[in-house]
Amino acid sequence: MHLIELLLPDFSLILVGYLLCLHTPLNRPVWLAVEQLVYYFLFPVFLFQSIVRAPLDLHTASTLMGAGLALGASGIVLAYALPHLPGLRGRFDAREHAASAQIAFRFNSFIGLAMAERVAGPVGQQMIAVLIGVCVPLANVGAVWPMARHGERGFGRELARNPLIIATLLGLAANGLGLLPPAWLGGTLQRIGSTSIALGLMAAGAGMQLRSVADNKALGAGVLAIRHVLQPLAAWLLARAFGLGAVETTALLIFSALPTSSSCYVLAARMGYNGAYVAGLVTLSTALGALSLPWALAYLAPYPAG
């Protein structure tokens, strides 16, 4: 299947959300409510279901988890190191960097799950769910820590009430214990999953804005280069270092090339930072994902997509 055909459904929903927000009464306040519904209920339920619905091969899963955690850690280290690199010292405001660092290593789970199923089928989708499951806590720790430190917010409290971390831990625990939701809930959970992906993608489009990106171009270029260039290259190297198979490598590459999380600006705004600037970076990352995903799949993946 051609890569454009794989990308079109997800990025079409993003465009639909953007156009609805811009040209209809379904404006920004409406989509803020949708984002909260998706972030606090729909997607945590879907994430939990994706992790528990099929038994995990412990060896394959543990190797993939290790590669995913190493990938996430590399993104965090690179993002934190930006203000200390030659030529960039002193060019970043500490608070702006604290809020924007998360752009480099957080990821849009909705696009990841949708892409993986079309590229590698249900097995690929489950592998992306595993990567999301183990990397959500790490990515949220990396995102919350600098903002909590600069903003004097409670670090443990911010993590403890994160719905994605809660859903991830519950899902991994249920999978490890062999616990499954009752059969009569299956249809409901499936519909919640479909709704969360569609609404999440549209909400990402509705949140796109570019007005504030020019405030700090060097910082924006740095975090976006990590997200869309260095992370896919790191994934390619880690897949070989961990000896991943073809499907696992493809899943890791999709994961590495995803746009950043649309909730980055929600977190930044909720913690008292410049949410508008972060929202602009999310918008650029969403657009760049249309380039980084085909690049990763066409040139770095071990076999052609589809």
Protein backbone atom coordinates (compact mmCIF):
# COMPACT_ATOMS: atom_id res chain seq x y z
CA MET A 1 0.00 0.00 0.00
CA HIS A 2 1.31 3.43 -0.89
CA LEU A 3 2.49 5.50 2.06
CA ILE A 4 0.21 8.40 1.13
CA GLU A 5 -2.79 6.07 1.42
CA LEU A 6 -1.60 4.98 4.86
CA LEU A 7 -1.20 8.53 6.11
CA LEU A 8 -4.27 10.08 4.47
CA PRO A 9 -7.02 8.93 6.90
CA ASP A 10 -5.27 10.22 10.02
CA PHE A 11 -4.05 13.51 8.59
CA SER A 12 -7.45 14.05 6.93
CA LEU A 13 -9.07 13.91 10.38
CA ILE A 14 -6.51 16.43 11.65
CA LEU A 15 -7.38 18.73 8.74
CA VAL A 16 -11.12 18.27 9.37
CA GLY A 17 -10.65 19.30 13.01
CA TYR A 18 -8.68 22.37 11.97
CA LEU A 19 -11.28 23.46 9.40
CA LEU A 20 -14.22 22.85 11.74
CA CYS A 21 -12.58 24.93 14.45
CA LEU A 22 -11.68 27.73 12.03
CA HIS A 23 -14.85 28.01 9.93
CA THR A 24 -17.80 26.71 11.98
CA PRO A 25 -19.46 27.37 15.35
CA LEU A 26 -17.51 24.35 16.62
CA ASN A 27 -14.77 26.71 17.80
CA ARG A 28 -11.92 26.39 20.27
CA PRO A 29 -13.98 26.19 23.51
CA VAL A 30 -15.86 23.20 22.06
CA TRP A 31 -12.63 21.40 21.23
CA LEU A 32 -11.12 22.13 24.62
CA ALA A 33 -14.00 20.17 26.12
CA VAL A 34 -13.44 17.38 23.58
CA GLU A 35 -9.73 17.25 24.48
CA GLN A 36 -10.56 16.84 28.14
CA LEU A 37 -13.03 14.04 27.36
CA VAL A 38 -10.44 12.22 25.27
CA TYR A 39 -7.51 12.82 27.63
CA TYR A 40 -9.24 11.97 30.89
CA PHE A 41 -11.61 9.19 29.82
CA LEU A 42 -11.77 7.89 26.25
CA PHE A 43 -8.08 7.40 25.55
CA PRO A 44 -7.13 5.96 28.97
CA VAL A 45 -9.87 3.34 28.49
CA PHE A 46 -8.60 2.56 24.98
CA LEU A 47 -4.99 2.40 26.14
CA PHE A 48 -5.94 -0.02 28.93
CA GLN A 49 -7.88 -2.19 26.49
CA SER A 50 -5.05 -2.21 23.92
CA ILE A 51 -2.58 -3.47 26.50
CA VAL A 52 -4.74 -6.18 28.11
CA ARG A 53 -6.62 -7.60 25.13
CA ALA A 54 -3.90 -10.02 23.94
CA PRO A 55 -1.20 -11.95 25.82
CA LEU A 56 2.29 -10.53 25.43
CA ASP A 57 5.29 -12.62 24.39
CA LEU A 58 7.49 -11.81 27.36
CA HIS A 59 10.81 -12.09 25.50
CA THR A 60 9.70 -10.06 22.48
CA ALA A 61 7.82 -7.57 24.63
CA SER A 62 10.69 -7.09 27.07
CA THR A 63 13.19 -6.50 24.24
CA LEU A 64 10.84 -4.05 22.55
CA MET A 65 10.19 -2.33 25.89
CA GLY A 66 13.91 -1.97 26.45
CA ALA A 67 14.40 -0.41 23.02
CA GLY A 68 11.42 1.91 23.57
CA LEU A 69 12.66 3.05 26.98
CA ALA A 70 16.15 3.64 25.56
CA LEU A 71 14.60 5.67 22.73
CA GLY A 72 12.55 7.75 25.15
CA ALA A 73 15.52 8.31 27.44
CA SER A 74 17.67 9.46 24.50
CA GLY A 75 15.02 12.02 23.53
CA ILE A 76 14.84 13.35 27.08
CA VAL A 77 18.62 13.63 27.38
CA LEU A 78 18.88 15.46 24.04
CA ALA A 79 16.05 17.83 24.95
CA TYR A 80 17.56 18.65 28.35
CA ALA A 81 20.99 19.16 26.77
CA LEU A 82 19.84 21.76 24.23
CA PRO A 83 20.61 24.87 26.35
CA HIS A 84 24.14 23.58 26.98
CA LEU A 85 25.15 22.88 23.38
CA PRO A 86 27.78 25.09 21.71
CA GLY A 87 26.14 28.06 20.03
CA LEU A 88 22.93 27.68 22.02
CA ARG A 89 24.11 28.59 25.52
CA GLY A 90 22.23 31.57 26.87
CA ARG A 91 19.79 31.71 23.94
CA PHE A 92 16.90 30.01 25.75
CA ASP A 93 14.74 31.34 28.54
CA ALA A 94 14.72 28.68 31.27
CA ARG A 95 10.94 28.63 31.60
CA GLU A 96 10.40 28.47 27.84
CA HIS A 97 12.80 25.53 27.63
CA ALA A 98 11.14 23.77 30.58
CA ALA A 99 7.75 23.93 28.84
CA SER A 100 9.02 23.10 25.33
CA ALA A 101 11.45 20.25 26.05
CA GLN A 102 8.54 17.78 26.07
CA ILE A 103 7.97 18.42 22.34
CA ALA A 104 11.14 16.44 21.61
CA PHE A 105 10.14 13.16 23.28
CA ARG A 106 6.37 13.00 23.75
CA PHE A 107 4.29 11.37 21.01
CA ASN A 108 0.80 11.36 19.52
CA SER A 109 -0.58 7.98 20.55
CA PHE A 110 -3.71 8.31 18.40
CA ILE A 111 -1.70 8.53 15.18
CA GLY A 112 0.63 5.76 16.34
CA LEU A 113 -2.12 3.21 16.99
CA ALA A 114 -3.94 4.07 13.77
CA MET A 115 -0.79 3.92 11.64
CA ALA A 116 0.50 0.68 13.15
CA GLU A 117 -2.67 -1.26 12.36
CA ARG A 118 -2.58 -0.27 8.70
CA VAL A 119 1.17 -0.84 8.29
CA ALA A 120 1.68 -4.00 10.36
CA GLY A 121 -1.82 -5.23 11.27
CA PRO A 122 -3.14 -6.08 14.74
CA VAL A 123 0.28 -7.35 15.87
CA GLY A 124 1.86 -4.03 14.98
CA GLN A 125 -0.89 -2.16 16.80
CA GLN A 126 -0.34 -4.22 19.93
CA MET A 127 3.40 -3.51 19.78
CA ILE A 128 2.71 0.22 19.53
CA ALA A 129 0.36 -0.15 22.51
CA VAL A 130 3.18 -1.78 24.47
CA LEU A 131 5.56 1.04 23.52
CA ILE A 132 2.97 3.61 24.52
CA GLY A 133 2.38 1.76 27.77
CA VAL A 134 5.98 1.70 28.90
CA CYS A 135 6.96 5.10 27.50
CA VAL A 136 4.02 7.19 28.74
CA PRO A 137 5.30 7.18 32.35
CA LEU A 138 8.85 7.99 31.23
CA ALA A 139 7.73 10.74 28.85
CA ASN A 140 5.47 12.28 31.48
CA VAL A 141 8.24 12.21 34.07
CA GLY A 142 10.50 13.95 31.54
CA ALA A 143 7.79 16.51 30.72
CA VAL A 144 6.62 17.29 34.25
CA TRP A 145 9.96 17.40 36.08
CA PRO A 146 11.46 20.62 34.58
CA MET A 147 8.13 22.45 34.76
CA ALA A 148 7.50 21.33 38.33
CA ARG A 149 11.06 22.39 39.27
CA HIS A 150 10.79 25.84 37.69
CA GLY A 151 7.17 26.36 38.67
CA GLU A 152 7.54 24.95 42.19
CA ARG A 153 4.71 22.50 41.56
CA GLY A 154 4.37 19.12 43.25
CA PHE A 155 6.19 16.64 40.97
CA GLY A 156 4.73 13.49 42.54
CA ARG A 157 1.24 14.95 42.55
CA GLU A 158 1.39 15.81 38.84
CA LEU A 159 2.44 12.26 37.98
CA ALA A 160 0.03 10.51 40.33
CA ARG A 161 -3.01 12.13 38.74
CA ASN A 162 -1.95 11.61 35.10
CA PRO A 163 -4.70 9.44 33.53
CA LEU A 164 -2.39 7.86 30.94
CA ILE A 165 0.07 6.69 33.59
CA ILE A 166 -2.79 5.25 35.66
CA ALA A 167 -4.25 3.43 32.62
CA THR A 168 -0.81 2.11 31.64
CA LEU A 169 0.00 0.69 35.06
CA LEU A 170 -3.44 -0.90 35.39
CA GLY A 171 -3.19 -2.38 31.89
CA LEU A 172 0.26 -3.89 32.43
CA ALA A 173 -0.80 -5.28 35.80
CA ALA A 174 -3.98 -6.81 34.35
CA ASN A 175 -2.06 -8.33 31.43
CA GLY A 176 0.56 -9.80 33.75
CA LEU A 177 -2.16 -11.35 35.94
CA GLY A 178 -4.12 -12.64 32.96
CA LEU A 179 -7.18 -10.52 33.79
CA LEU A 180 -9.51 -9.53 30.95
CA PRO A 181 -12.57 -7.27 30.84
CA PRO A 182 -15.85 -9.26 30.74
CA ALA A 183 -17.02 -10.28 27.28
CA TRP A 184 -20.21 -8.22 27.52
CA LEU A 185 -18.05 -5.06 27.73
CA GLY A 186 -16.13 -5.85 24.53
CA GLY A 187 -18.38 -3.97 22.12
CA THR A 188 -18.52 -0.89 24.34
CA LEU A 189 -14.75 -0.78 24.76
CA GLN A 190 -14.24 -1.18 21.01
CA ARG A 191 -16.48 1.78 20.32
CA ILE A 192 -14.72 3.86 22.95
CA GLY A 193 -11.41 3.06 21.25
CA SER A 194 -12.63 4.08 17.81
CA THR A 195 -14.12 7.27 19.22
CA SER A 196 -10.96 8.21 21.12
CA ILE A 197 -8.75 7.97 18.03
CA ALA A 198 -11.11 9.92 15.76
CA LEU A 199 -11.83 12.65 18.29
CA GLY A 200 -8.18 12.81 19.39
CA LEU A 201 -6.99 13.41 15.83
CA MET A 202 -9.64 16.04 15.18
CA ALA A 203 -8.85 17.78 18.47
CA ALA A 204 -5.18 17.87 17.47
CA GLY A 205 -6.18 19.66 14.27
CA ALA A 206 -8.46 22.06 16.12
CA GLY A 207 -5.61 23.01 18.44
CA MET A 208 -3.19 23.97 15.68
CA GLN A 209 -1.87 27.54 15.82
CA LEU A 210 1.36 29.13 14.64
CA ARG A 211 1.25 32.71 15.86
CA SER A 212 3.63 32.28 18.80
CA VAL A 213 6.27 30.03 17.19
CA ALA A 214 8.40 33.00 16.08
CA ASP A 215 8.99 33.95 19.72
CA ASN A 216 11.96 31.58 19.99
CA LYS A 217 12.93 30.01 16.68
CA ALA A 218 16.17 28.39 17.90
CA LEU A 219 14.41 26.51 20.70
CA GLY A 220 11.62 25.40 18.38
CA ALA A 221 14.04 24.19 15.71
CA GLY A 222 16.03 22.27 18.30
CA VAL A 223 13.17 20.30 19.85
CA LEU A 224 11.56 19.61 16.46
CA ALA A 225 14.86 18.34 15.00
CA ILE A 226 15.16 15.91 17.91
CA ARG A 227 11.56 14.75 17.49
CA HIS A 228 11.54 14.26 13.71
CA VAL A 229 15.15 13.59 12.69
CA LEU A 230 17.24 12.34 15.61
CA GLN A 231 14.59 10.11 17.19
CA PRO A 232 13.98 8.03 14.00
CA LEU A 233 17.74 7.66 13.52
CA ALA A 234 18.11 6.61 17.17
CA ALA A 235 15.30 4.06 16.70
CA TRP A 236 17.05 2.59 13.66
CA LEU A 237 20.26 2.16 15.68
CA LEU A 238 18.47 0.79 18.74
CA ALA A 239 16.55 -1.78 16.67
CA ARG A 240 19.87 -3.23 15.58
CA ALA A 241 21.45 -2.99 19.01
CA PHE A 242 18.50 -4.85 20.59
CA GLY A 243 18.21 -7.36 17.72
CA LEU A 244 14.57 -6.57 16.94
CA GLY A 245 12.73 -8.44 14.20
CA ALA A 246 11.17 -6.79 11.15
CA VAL A 247 7.75 -6.10 12.66
CA GLU A 248 9.20 -4.89 15.96
CA THR A 249 11.61 -2.61 14.12
CA THR A 250 8.80 -1.19 11.99
CA ALA A 251 6.72 -0.53 15.11
CA LEU A 252 9.64 1.21 16.82
CA LEU A 253 10.28 3.36 13.74
CA ILE A 254 6.64 4.40 13.50
CA PHE A 255 6.73 5.24 17.19
CA SER A 256 9.91 7.29 16.80
CA ALA A 257 8.62 9.38 13.88
CA LEU A 258 5.24 10.34 15.35
CA PRO A 259 4.24 13.96 15.82
CA THR A 260 4.50 15.12 19.40
CA SER A 261 1.57 14.76 21.77
CA SER A 262 -1.29 17.19 21.28
CA SER A 263 -1.58 17.39 25.07
CA CYS A 264 1.83 19.07 25.40
CA TYR A 265 0.29 22.51 25.34
CA VAL A 266 -2.53 21.40 27.69
CA LEU A 267 0.07 20.34 30.27
CA ALA A 268 2.14 23.50 29.78
CA ALA A 269 -0.88 25.78 30.15
CA ARG A 270 -2.21 23.88 33.17
CA MET A 271 1.14 24.27 34.92
CA GLY A 272 1.28 28.04 34.26
CA TYR A 273 3.62 28.19 31.25
CA ASN A 274 3.35 29.73 27.77
CA GLY A 275 0.78 27.34 26.30
CA ALA A 276 0.40 29.33 23.08
CA TYR A 277 4.09 28.87 22.17
CA VAL A 278 3.94 25.15 22.93
CA ALA A 279 0.73 24.87 20.86
CA GLY A 280 2.57 26.39 17.90
CA LEU A 281 5.31 23.76 18.22
CA VAL A 282 2.66 21.03 18.39
CA THR A 283 1.19 22.38 15.16
CA LEU A 284 4.55 22.32 13.38
CA SER A 285 5.27 18.83 14.72
CA THR A 286 1.91 17.59 13.43
CA ALA A 287 2.76 18.93 9.98
CA LEU A 288 6.30 17.52 10.10
CA GLY A 289 4.90 14.10 10.99
CA ALA A 290 3.57 13.93 7.43
CA LEU A 291 7.24 13.95 6.35
CA SER A 292 8.99 12.01 9.11
CA LEU A 293 6.62 9.02 9.06
CA PRO A 294 7.01 8.33 5.30
CA TRP A 295 10.78 8.88 5.62
CA ALA A 296 11.06 6.38 8.48
CA LEU A 297 8.88 3.79 6.74
CA ALA A 298 10.36 4.19 3.26
CA TYR A 299 14.06 4.46 4.06
CA LEU A 300 14.64 3.08 7.57
CA ALA A 301 12.09 0.27 7.95
CA PRO A 302 13.28 -3.27 7.18
CA TYR A 303 10.55 -3.94 4.63
CA PRO A 304 8.15 -1.82 2.55
CA ALA A 305 4.97 -0.67 4.25
CA GLY A 306 1.79 -2.51 3.35
